[in-house]
PDB file of N, CA and C in Angstrom:
ATOM      1  N   UNK A   1      13.721  -4.774 -19.433  1.00  0.00           N
ATOM      2  CA  UNK A   1      12.559  -3.879 -19.434  1.00  0.00           C
ATOM      3  C   UNK A   1      11.268  -4.693 -19.498  1.00  0.00           C
ATOM      4  N   UNK A   2      11.295  -5.753 -20.316  1.00  0.00           N
ATOM      5  CA  UNK A   2      10.101  -6.584 -20.467  1.00  0.00           C
ATOM      6  C   UNK A   2       9.744  -7.235 -19.135  1.00  0.00           C
ATOM      7  N   UNK A   3      10.765  -7.713 -18.429  1.00  0.00           N
ATOM      8  CA  UNK A   3      10.529  -8.369 -17.146  1.00  0.00           C
ATOM      9  C   UNK A   3       9.892  -7.404 -16.153  1.00  0.00           C
ATOM     10  N   UNK A   4      10.385  -6.164 -16.149  1.00  0.00           N
ATOM     11  CA  UNK A   4       9.826  -5.165 -15.241  1.00  0.00           C
ATOM     12  C   UNK A   4       8.356  -4.923 -15.558  1.00  0.00           C
ATOM     13  N   UNK A   5       8.037  -4.882 -16.842  1.00  0.00           N
ATOM     14  CA  UNK A   5       6.651  -4.648 -17.248  1.00  0.00           C
ATOM     15  C   UNK A   5       5.764  -5.811 -16.817  1.00  0.00           C
ATOM     16  N   UNK A   6       6.264  -7.028 -17.010  1.00  0.00           N
ATOM     17  CA  UNK A   6       5.500  -8.221 -16.619  1.00  0.00           C
ATOM     18  C   UNK A   6       5.259  -8.224 -15.115  1.00  0.00           C
ATOM     19  N   UNK A   7       6.302  -7.916 -14.353  1.00  0.00           N
ATOM     20  CA  UNK A   7       6.157  -7.883 -12.898  1.00  0.00           C
ATOM     21  C   UNK A   7       5.159  -6.822 -12.476  1.00  0.00           C
ATOM     22  N   UNK A   8       5.199  -5.677 -13.133  1.00  0.00           N
ATOM     23  CA  UNK A   8       4.274  -4.594 -12.811  1.00  0.00           C
ATOM     24  C   UNK A   8       2.840  -5.029 -13.083  1.00  0.00           C
ATOM     25  N   UNK A   9       2.616  -5.630 -14.254  1.00  0.00           N
ATOM     26  CA  UNK A   9       1.274  -6.112 -14.604  1.00  0.00           C
ATOM     27  C   UNK A   9       0.803  -7.175 -13.620  1.00  0.00           C
ATOM     28  N   UNK A  10       1.713  -8.049 -13.226  1.00  0.00           N
ATOM     29  CA  UNK A  10       1.376  -9.113 -12.286  1.00  0.00           C
ATOM     30  C   UNK A  10       0.942  -8.527 -10.946  1.00  0.00           C
ATOM     31  N   UNK A  11       1.668  -7.488 -10.505  1.00  0.00           N
ATOM     32  CA  UNK A  11       1.337  -6.839  -9.234  1.00  0.00           C
ATOM     33  C   UNK A  11      -0.024  -6.173  -9.311  1.00  0.00           C
ATOM     34  N   UNK A  12      -0.300  -5.522 -10.437  1.00  0.00           N
ATOM     35  CA  UNK A  12      -1.606  -4.882 -10.624  1.00  0.00           C
ATOM     36  C   UNK A  12      -2.706  -5.935 -10.577  1.00  0.00           C
ATOM     37  N   UNK A  13      -2.463  -7.058 -11.229  1.00  0.00           N
ATOM     38  CA  UNK A  13      -3.455  -8.139 -11.267  1.00  0.00           C
ATOM     39  C   UNK A  13      -3.722  -8.670  -9.864  1.00  0.00           C
ATOM     40  N   UNK A  14      -2.648  -8.880  -9.100  1.00  0.00           N
ATOM     41  CA  UNK A  14      -2.806  -9.365  -7.728  1.00  0.00           C
ATOM     42  C   UNK A  14      -3.607  -8.377  -6.901  1.00  0.00           C
ATOM     43  N   UNK A  15      -3.299  -7.093  -7.060  1.00  0.00           N
ATOM     44  CA  UNK A  15      -4.008  -6.056  -6.319  1.00  0.00           C
ATOM     45  C   UNK A  15      -5.482  -6.068  -6.681  1.00  0.00           C
ATOM     46  N   UNK A  16      -5.781  -6.218  -7.966  1.00  0.00           N
ATOM     47  CA  UNK A  16      -7.175  -6.247  -8.423  1.00  0.00           C
ATOM     48  C   UNK A  16      -7.912  -7.430  -7.818  1.00  0.00           C
ATOM     49  N   UNK A  17      -7.277  -8.595  -7.835  1.00  0.00           N
ATOM     50  CA  UNK A  17      -7.894  -9.797  -7.261  1.00  0.00           C
ATOM     51  C   UNK A  17      -8.155  -9.589  -5.777  1.00  0.00           C
ATOM     52  N   UNK A  18      -7.163  -9.009  -5.084  1.00  0.00           N
ATOM     53  CA  UNK A  18      -7.303  -8.768  -3.648  1.00  0.00           C
ATOM     54  C   UNK A  18      -8.472  -7.832  -3.368  1.00  0.00           C
ATOM     55  N   UNK A  19      -8.567  -6.746  -4.144  1.00  0.00           N
ATOM     56  CA  UNK A  19      -9.656  -5.790  -3.952  1.00  0.00           C
ATOM     57  C   UNK A  19     -10.999  -6.435  -4.252  1.00  0.00           C
ATOM     58  N   UNK A  20     -11.053  -7.270  -5.292  1.00  0.00           N
ATOM     59  CA  UNK A  20     -12.298  -7.959  -5.626  1.00  0.00           C
ATOM     60  C   UNK A  20     -12.731  -8.867  -4.483  1.00  0.00           C
ATOM     61  N   UNK A  21     -11.772  -9.563  -3.872  1.00  0.00           N
ATOM     62  CA  UNK A  21     -12.106 -10.439  -2.752  1.00  0.00           C
ATOM     63  C   UNK A  21     -12.616  -9.621  -1.581  1.00  0.00           C
ATOM     64  N   UNK A  22     -11.998  -8.473  -1.331  1.00  0.00           N
ATOM     65  CA  UNK A  22     -12.458  -7.606  -0.248  1.00  0.00           C
ATOM     66  C   UNK A  22     -13.881  -7.145  -0.524  1.00  0.00           C
ATOM     67  N   UNK A  23     -14.160  -6.768  -1.786  1.00  0.00           N
ATOM     68  CA  UNK A  23     -15.498  -6.317  -2.163  1.00  0.00           C
ATOM     69  C   UNK A  23     -16.521  -7.419  -1.957  1.00  0.00           C
ATOM     70  N   UNK A  24     -16.193  -8.627  -2.402  1.00  0.00           N
ATOM     71  CA  UNK A  24     -17.107  -9.763  -2.246  1.00  0.00           C
ATOM     72  C   UNK A  24     -17.390 -10.003  -0.773  1.00  0.00           C
ATOM     73  N   UNK A  25     -16.360  -9.949   0.039  1.00  0.00           N
ATOM     74  CA  UNK A  25     -16.532 -10.177   1.470  1.00  0.00           C
ATOM     75  C   UNK A  25     -17.403  -9.088   2.086  1.00  0.00           C
ATOM     76  N   UNK A  26     -17.181  -7.841   1.677  1.00  0.00           N
ATOM     77  CA  UNK A  26     -17.975  -6.729   2.186  1.00  0.00           C
ATOM     78  C   UNK A  26     -19.437  -6.864   1.803  1.00  0.00           C
ATOM     79  N   UNK A  27     -19.681  -7.242   0.550  1.00  0.00           N
ATOM     80  CA  UNK A  27     -21.056  -7.398   0.068  1.00  0.00           C
ATOM     81  C   UNK A  27     -21.738  -8.542   0.810  1.00  0.00           C
ATOM     82  N   UNK A  28     -21.025  -9.653   0.986  1.00  0.00           N
ATOM     83  CA  UNK A  28     -21.596 -10.796   1.705  1.00  0.00           C
ATOM     84  C   UNK A  28     -21.928 -10.425   3.138  1.00  0.00           C
ATOM     85  N   UNK A  29     -21.041  -9.700   3.798  1.00  0.00           N
ATOM     86  CA  UNK A  29     -21.304  -9.326   5.186  1.00  0.00           C
ATOM     87  C   UNK A  29     -22.470  -8.351   5.267  1.00  0.00           C
ATOM     88  N   UNK A  30     -22.613  -7.482   4.250  1.00  0.00           N
ATOM     89  CA  UNK A  30     -23.758  -6.572   4.212  1.00  0.00           C
ATOM     90  C   UNK A  30     -25.057  -7.361   4.119  1.00  0.00           C
ATOM     91  N   UNK A  31     -25.086  -8.324   3.195  1.00  0.00           N
ATOM     92  CA  UNK A  31     -26.282  -9.155   3.041  1.00  0.00           C
ATOM     93  C   UNK A  31     -26.567  -9.918   4.328  1.00  0.00           C
ATOM     94  N   UNK A  32     -25.510 -10.440   4.942  1.00  0.00           N
ATOM     95  CA  UNK A  32     -25.686 -11.214   6.167  1.00  0.00           C
ATOM     96  C   UNK A  32     -26.295 -10.345   7.267  1.00  0.00           C
ATOM     97  N   UNK A  33     -25.782  -9.128   7.428  1.00  0.00           N
ATOM     98  CA  UNK A  33     -26.315  -8.236   8.456  1.00  0.00           C
ATOM     99  C   UNK A  33     -27.756  -7.866   8.152  1.00  0.00           C
ATOM    100  N   UNK A  34     -28.030  -7.645   6.865  1.00  0.00           N
ATOM    101  CA  UNK A  34     -29.382  -7.253   6.459  1.00  0.00           C
ATOM    102  C   UNK A  34     -30.377  -8.361   6.770  1.00  0.00           C
ATOM    103  N   UNK A  35     -30.000  -9.600   6.420  1.00  0.00           N
ATOM    104  CA  UNK A  35     -30.947 -10.706   6.577  1.00  0.00           C
ATOM    105  C   UNK A  35     -30.945 -11.304   7.981  1.00  0.00           C
ATOM    106  N   UNK A  36     -29.904 -11.046   8.755  1.00  0.00           N
ATOM    107  CA  UNK A  36     -29.902 -11.582  10.118  1.00  0.00           C
ATOM    108  C   UNK A  36     -30.867 -10.789  11.001  1.00  0.00           C
ATOM    109  N   UNK A  37     -31.239  -9.591  10.566  1.00  0.00           N
ATOM    110  CA  UNK A  37     -32.196  -8.783  11.326  1.00  0.00           C
ATOM    111  C   UNK A  37     -33.620  -9.267  11.118  1.00  0.00           C
ATOM    112  N   UNK A  38     -33.859  -9.978   9.998  1.00  0.00           N
ATOM    113  CA  UNK A  38     -35.222 -10.427   9.709  1.00  0.00           C
ATOM    114  C   UNK A  38     -35.663 -11.524  10.677  1.00  0.00           C
TER     115      UNK A  38
END
């Protein structure tokens, strides 16, 4: 049971990291588009 819980937490953590990276990339591309027009 403990192993299942650890694996579940690990998967959640990976998902969070992945989403954070997607967010960072989205924000960077937004800034890039905004400033490339200047």
